[in-house]
């Protein structure tokens, strides 16, 4: 999905303004000049749109957008795709957590030799960086860090780099770690000879060989991380799905077939169709020559 610069600036302004809003008494009002105003009045008559909040959870959704008749259709599509990453319930016990997976039609995220650049197209890369710019933190597993050495920044879009979170039960080579606040999560007591600035090791254990995902998210929440993008790898994504810790999942389906390779999603074997995980309220977007499915779990 292509996003006009003015629309992207509006999203970034919504994100910044939302940091200081009192959702119990205030609304976000969008002017016809695409400015953001905090107000205690939810009247739509003077604005292009008004965003109302429902922190008491009496309504199914945490927020609702009231649109004027002249609200641009393209901007509404942008809101439908991106606002959920910004307007998260800060009083929830764990962050809003999402996964974005770029895969082939047959569900592969890499060849057997771990070649994966680029399954997703250029538009998907930009879309992924938009999400990074809108969430508070981005999370990957240790193997993904070792194999791909990802920068985990927003170099393809305007915005601030997110906090980085890496799950690793053995020490990582941190020379390729980009600057910025980083949490290294482990269920073992790891030691590093050299620790870059703004990097913190967090040990979490429930007596097993795996980090308890909910406890990890609770630690992030306690450090004012209210939204998390999980980018892989397959084992990390599996843990989040099986522990039911995902709020949203996106599948970018590239028009290619591998016939072999690494699966994007690997879960426990099932015997009957009623054991399958059903995706709720799927929405479909054209992303260049590919299709993206956005759904809740």
Protein backbone atom coordinates (compact mmCIF):
# COMPACT_ATOMS: atom_id res chain seq x y z
CA UNK A 1 0.00 0.00 0.00
CA UNK A 2 1.36 3.37 -0.97
CA UNK A 3 1.04 6.12 1.65
CA UNK A 4 1.26 9.82 0.84
CA UNK A 5 3.92 11.72 2.84
CA UNK A 6 1.20 13.90 4.40
CA UNK A 7 -0.67 10.80 5.58
CA UNK A 8 2.49 9.26 7.06
CA UNK A 9 3.30 12.51 8.89
CA UNK A 10 -0.24 12.42 10.26
CA UNK A 11 0.28 8.91 11.65
CA UNK A 12 3.55 9.94 13.29
CA UNK A 13 1.82 12.98 14.81
CA UNK A 14 -0.97 10.77 16.13
CA UNK A 15 1.63 8.51 17.73
CA UNK A 16 3.40 11.45 19.38
CA UNK A 17 0.18 13.09 20.62
CA UNK A 18 -1.18 9.81 21.95
CA UNK A 19 1.74 9.58 24.38
CA UNK A 20 0.23 12.36 26.53
CA UNK A 21 -3.51 11.87 26.09
CA UNK A 22 -5.91 11.00 28.90
CA UNK A 23 -8.08 8.38 27.20
CA UNK A 24 -10.70 8.56 29.95
CA UNK A 25 -11.58 12.18 29.17
CA UNK A 26 -9.93 13.23 25.90
CA UNK A 27 -10.31 12.52 22.21
CA UNK A 28 -7.97 13.04 19.27
CA UNK A 29 -9.34 15.44 16.68
CA UNK A 30 -7.94 15.64 13.14
CA UNK A 31 -8.29 19.02 11.47
CA UNK A 32 -8.75 19.60 7.75
CA UNK A 33 -5.10 20.66 7.66
CA UNK A 34 -4.09 17.22 9.07
CA UNK A 35 -3.14 18.58 12.46
CA UNK A 36 -3.86 16.71 15.72
CA UNK A 37 -5.70 18.33 18.63
CA UNK A 38 -6.52 16.86 22.02
CA UNK A 39 -10.03 17.73 23.13
CA UNK A 40 -12.71 16.79 25.63
CA UNK A 41 -15.34 17.31 22.91
CA UNK A 42 -16.17 14.40 20.60
CA UNK A 43 -18.25 16.49 18.21
CA UNK A 44 -17.34 15.84 14.58
CA UNK A 45 -18.78 19.04 13.13
CA UNK A 46 -15.50 21.01 13.10
CA UNK A 47 -13.06 18.23 12.25
CA UNK A 48 -12.09 15.81 9.49
CA UNK A 49 -12.22 12.94 11.99
CA UNK A 50 -12.43 12.31 15.73
CA UNK A 51 -10.88 9.34 17.55
CA UNK A 52 -12.77 8.30 20.70
CA UNK A 53 -11.49 5.90 23.35
CA UNK A 54 -13.29 3.33 25.49
CA UNK A 55 -10.91 2.32 28.31
CA UNK A 56 -13.73 0.75 30.34
CA UNK A 57 -13.91 -2.00 27.67
CA UNK A 58 -17.70 -1.87 27.49
CA UNK A 59 -17.23 -1.75 23.74
CA UNK A 60 -15.40 -4.48 21.84
CA UNK A 61 -12.83 -2.05 20.44
CA UNK A 62 -10.54 0.16 22.52
CA UNK A 63 -11.01 3.09 20.13
CA UNK A 64 -13.35 4.23 17.38
CA UNK A 65 -12.80 6.67 14.52
CA UNK A 66 -15.68 8.97 13.60
CA UNK A 67 -15.20 10.07 9.99
CA UNK A 68 -16.61 13.14 8.28
CA UNK A 69 -18.25 12.77 4.86
CA UNK A 70 -15.22 14.37 3.20
CA UNK A 71 -12.63 12.09 4.80
CA UNK A 72 -10.29 10.77 2.02
CA UNK A 73 -10.90 7.11 1.15
CA UNK A 74 -7.19 6.39 0.77
CA UNK A 75 -6.47 7.83 4.22
CA UNK A 76 -9.23 5.70 5.71
CA UNK A 77 -7.52 2.61 4.27
CA UNK A 78 -4.25 3.79 5.83
CA UNK A 79 -5.96 4.21 9.20
CA UNK A 80 -7.54 0.75 8.97
CA UNK A 81 -4.13 -0.81 8.45
CA UNK A 82 -1.92 1.20 10.80
CA UNK A 83 -3.87 2.79 13.66
CA UNK A 84 -3.99 -0.43 15.71
CA UNK A 85 -0.21 -0.25 16.08
CA UNK A 86 -0.42 3.22 17.59
CA UNK A 87 -3.62 3.39 19.64
CA UNK A 88 -2.94 0.49 21.99
CA UNK A 89 -4.43 0.12 25.45
CA UNK A 90 -1.62 1.18 27.77
CA UNK A 91 -3.46 -0.22 30.78
CA UNK A 92 -3.44 -3.79 29.50
CA UNK A 93 -1.21 -6.28 31.33
CA UNK A 94 0.91 -7.11 28.29
CA UNK A 95 1.79 -5.12 25.15
CA UNK A 96 -0.09 -5.25 21.87
CA UNK A 97 1.98 -7.90 20.08
CA UNK A 98 2.02 -8.63 16.37
CA UNK A 99 3.86 -10.76 13.82
CA UNK A 100 4.67 -9.93 10.21
CA UNK A 101 5.72 -12.86 8.03
CA UNK A 102 6.83 -12.64 4.39
CA UNK A 103 6.44 -16.07 2.82
CA UNK A 104 5.94 -17.88 -0.46
CA UNK A 105 2.57 -19.29 -1.54
CA UNK A 106 3.68 -22.66 -0.15
CA UNK A 107 4.55 -21.10 3.21
CA UNK A 108 8.35 -20.89 3.00
CA UNK A 109 10.36 -18.04 4.51
CA UNK A 110 13.78 -19.23 3.27
CA UNK A 111 15.48 -21.88 1.17
CA UNK A 112 17.12 -24.87 2.85
CA UNK A 113 20.38 -22.90 2.70
CA UNK A 114 18.60 -20.06 4.56
CA UNK A 115 18.45 -17.66 1.62
CA UNK A 116 15.50 -15.31 2.15
CA UNK A 117 16.33 -11.93 0.56
CA UNK A 118 13.98 -10.88 -0.77
CA UNK A 119 10.81 -12.97 -0.59
CA UNK A 120 8.81 -9.87 0.15
CA UNK A 121 8.74 -7.11 -2.44
CA UNK A 122 9.90 -3.51 -2.02
CA UNK A 123 6.46 -2.29 -0.93
CA UNK A 124 6.39 -4.95 1.78
CA UNK A 125 9.83 -3.89 2.99
CA UNK A 126 8.61 -0.31 3.33
CA UNK A 127 5.41 -1.50 5.02
CA UNK A 128 7.45 -3.50 7.51
CA UNK A 129 9.58 -0.46 8.32
CA UNK A 130 6.41 1.59 8.84
CA UNK A 131 5.31 -0.91 11.48
CA UNK A 132 8.74 -0.65 13.11
CA UNK A 133 8.34 3.11 13.27
CA UNK A 134 4.90 2.86 14.87
CA UNK A 135 5.55 0.22 17.56
CA UNK A 136 7.63 0.64 20.71
CA UNK A 137 9.82 -2.45 20.28
CA UNK A 138 10.87 -5.08 17.76
CA UNK A 139 11.67 -8.65 18.86
CA UNK A 140 13.63 -11.46 17.22
CA UNK A 141 15.21 -14.74 18.25
CA UNK A 142 18.93 -15.26 18.70
CA UNK A 143 19.31 -17.45 15.58
CA UNK A 144 17.73 -14.75 13.43
CA UNK A 145 20.23 -12.26 14.83
CA UNK A 146 23.16 -14.61 14.20
CA UNK A 147 22.16 -15.58 10.64
CA UNK A 148 20.73 -12.32 9.27
CA UNK A 149 22.48 -9.64 11.39
CA UNK A 150 19.38 -7.43 10.98
CA UNK A 151 19.70 -3.71 11.61
CA UNK A 152 16.20 -3.53 13.15
CA UNK A 153 15.85 0.13 12.25
CA UNK A 154 13.51 2.30 10.16
CA UNK A 155 15.95 3.38 7.46
CA UNK A 156 13.31 3.11 4.69
CA UNK A 157 10.77 5.47 6.30
CA UNK A 158 10.59 8.61 8.40
CA UNK A 159 10.36 7.89 12.14
CA UNK A 160 12.20 6.76 15.25
CA UNK A 161 13.93 3.40 15.64
CA UNK A 162 12.15 1.03 18.04
CA UNK A 163 13.64 -0.58 21.12
CA UNK A 164 15.24 -3.94 20.28
CA UNK A 165 14.50 -7.19 22.13
CA UNK A 166 16.41 -10.40 21.38
CA UNK A 167 15.75 -13.85 22.84
CA UNK A 168 18.98 -15.83 23.16
CA UNK A 169 19.99 -18.61 25.55
CA UNK A 170 23.62 -18.49 24.47
CA UNK A 171 25.87 -15.42 24.15
CA UNK A 172 25.61 -13.33 21.01
CA UNK A 173 28.33 -11.57 19.07
CA UNK A 174 27.19 -7.99 19.61
CA UNK A 175 29.59 -6.25 17.22
CA UNK A 176 26.81 -6.04 14.59
CA UNK A 177 24.22 -4.73 17.03
CA UNK A 178 22.99 -1.30 15.95
CA UNK A 179 22.94 1.49 18.59
CA UNK A 180 19.90 2.03 20.77
CA UNK A 181 18.12 0.56 23.77
CA UNK A 182 18.29 -3.24 23.62
CA UNK A 183 17.06 -6.03 25.89
CA UNK A 184 18.74 -9.45 25.71
CA UNK A 185 16.33 -12.01 27.17
CA UNK A 186 17.54 -15.38 28.39
CA UNK A 187 16.49 -18.13 30.77
CA UNK A 188 20.16 -18.71 31.58
CA UNK A 189 22.74 -16.58 33.37
CA UNK A 190 24.77 -15.32 30.44
CA UNK A 191 27.91 -13.25 30.68
CA UNK A 192 29.40 -10.94 28.06
CA UNK A 193 32.99 -9.70 27.94
CA UNK A 194 31.94 -6.43 26.35
CA UNK A 195 28.50 -4.88 26.64
CA UNK A 196 27.62 -2.04 24.26
CA UNK A 197 25.89 1.05 25.70
CA UNK A 198 22.13 0.84 26.39
CA UNK A 199 22.11 -2.97 26.32
CA UNK A 200 20.55 -4.83 29.24
CA UNK A 201 20.54 -8.59 29.89
CA UNK A 202 17.27 -9.81 31.43
CA UNK A 203 17.17 -13.31 32.88
CA UNK A 204 13.72 -14.91 33.07
CA UNK A 205 13.15 -18.55 33.95
CA UNK A 206 10.27 -20.80 34.95
CA UNK A 207 12.47 -23.86 35.39
CA UNK A 208 12.26 -24.98 31.76
CA UNK A 209 14.65 -24.53 28.84
CA UNK A 210 12.45 -21.86 27.27
CA UNK A 211 11.78 -18.28 28.23
CA UNK A 212 8.17 -17.81 29.41
CA UNK A 213 6.73 -15.52 26.75
CA UNK A 214 4.14 -13.87 28.98
CA UNK A 215 6.81 -13.00 31.58
CA UNK A 216 8.96 -11.50 28.83
CA UNK A 217 6.08 -9.33 27.64
CA UNK A 218 5.30 -8.27 31.20
CA UNK A 219 8.92 -7.09 31.63
CA UNK A 220 8.64 -5.04 28.44
CA UNK A 221 5.34 -3.59 29.64
CA UNK A 222 6.90 -2.57 32.94
CA UNK A 223 9.50 -0.67 30.90
CA UNK A 224 6.82 1.34 29.02
CA UNK A 225 6.81 -0.87 25.95
CA UNK A 226 3.16 -0.99 24.89
CA UNK A 227 3.49 -2.51 21.42
CA UNK A 228 5.85 -5.17 20.03
CA UNK A 229 6.57 -6.39 16.51
CA UNK A 230 7.85 -9.98 16.38
CA UNK A 231 9.89 -10.57 13.20
CA UNK A 232 11.14 -14.13 13.69
CA UNK A 233 12.40 -16.63 13.40
CA UNK A 234 10.01 -19.55 13.03
CA UNK A 235 10.63 -20.97 16.52
CA UNK A 236 10.08 -17.60 18.18
CA UNK A 237 6.86 -17.06 16.25
CA UNK A 238 5.71 -20.55 17.19
CA UNK A 239 6.21 -19.79 20.88
CA UNK A 240 4.10 -16.65 20.66
CA UNK A 241 1.30 -18.43 18.79
CA UNK A 242 1.20 -21.49 21.04
CA UNK A 243 1.27 -19.34 24.18
CA UNK A 244 -1.57 -17.23 22.70
CA UNK A 245 0.42 -14.03 23.14
CA UNK A 246 -0.30 -12.48 19.73
CA UNK A 247 -2.79 -9.70 19.14
CA UNK A 248 -2.36 -9.63 15.37
CA UNK A 249 -0.60 -11.49 12.58
CA UNK A 250 0.20 -10.45 9.01
CA UNK A 251 1.04 -12.83 6.17
CA UNK A 252 2.69 -11.28 3.11
CA UNK A 253 2.12 -13.91 0.42
CA UNK A 254 4.69 -13.57 -2.36
CA UNK A 255 3.76 -14.97 -5.81
CA UNK A 256 6.48 -17.63 -5.84
CA UNK A 257 6.89 -21.33 -5.01
CA UNK A 258 9.93 -22.94 -3.40
CA UNK A 259 8.72 -26.54 -3.12
CA UNK A 260 11.20 -26.94 -0.26
CA UNK A 261 12.74 -24.75 2.37
CA UNK A 262 12.09 -23.35 5.83
CA UNK A 263 8.47 -23.05 6.94
CA UNK A 264 7.27 -19.70 8.19
CA UNK A 265 4.93 -21.26 10.75
CA UNK A 266 5.59 -24.61 12.38
CA UNK A 267 3.19 -25.82 15.06
CA UNK A 268 2.42 -29.10 16.76
CA UNK A 269 0.89 -31.78 14.52
CA UNK A 270 -2.91 -31.94 14.49
CA UNK A 271 -5.20 -34.81 13.51
CA UNK A 272 -8.56 -33.10 12.95
CA UNK A 273 -9.59 -29.84 11.29
CA UNK A 274 -11.24 -28.64 14.50
CA UNK A 275 -7.76 -28.50 16.06
CA UNK A 276 -6.64 -25.84 13.58
CA UNK A 277 -6.10 -22.27 14.74
CA UNK A 278 -8.76 -20.12 13.11
CA UNK A 279 -7.85 -16.59 12.06
CA UNK A 280 -10.44 -13.97 12.98
CA UNK A 281 -11.71 -11.11 10.81
CA UNK A 282 -9.13 -11.42 8.02
CA UNK A 283 -8.55 -8.39 5.83
CA UNK A 284 -6.77 -8.45 2.50
CA UNK A 285 -4.44 -5.84 1.01
CA UNK A 286 -2.61 -5.58 -2.29
CA UNK A 287 1.08 -4.98 -1.61
CA UNK A 288 2.69 -4.49 -4.98
CA UNK A 289 2.43 -7.81 -6.83
CA UNK A 290 1.61 -9.68 -3.63
CA UNK A 291 -1.28 -10.10 -1.20
CA UNK A 292 -1.16 -9.44 2.53
CA UNK A 293 -3.58 -11.04 4.98
CA UNK A 294 -4.06 -9.16 8.26
CA UNK A 295 -5.90 -11.00 11.00
CA UNK A 296 -6.40 -11.38 14.73
CA UNK A 297 -5.78 -14.59 16.67
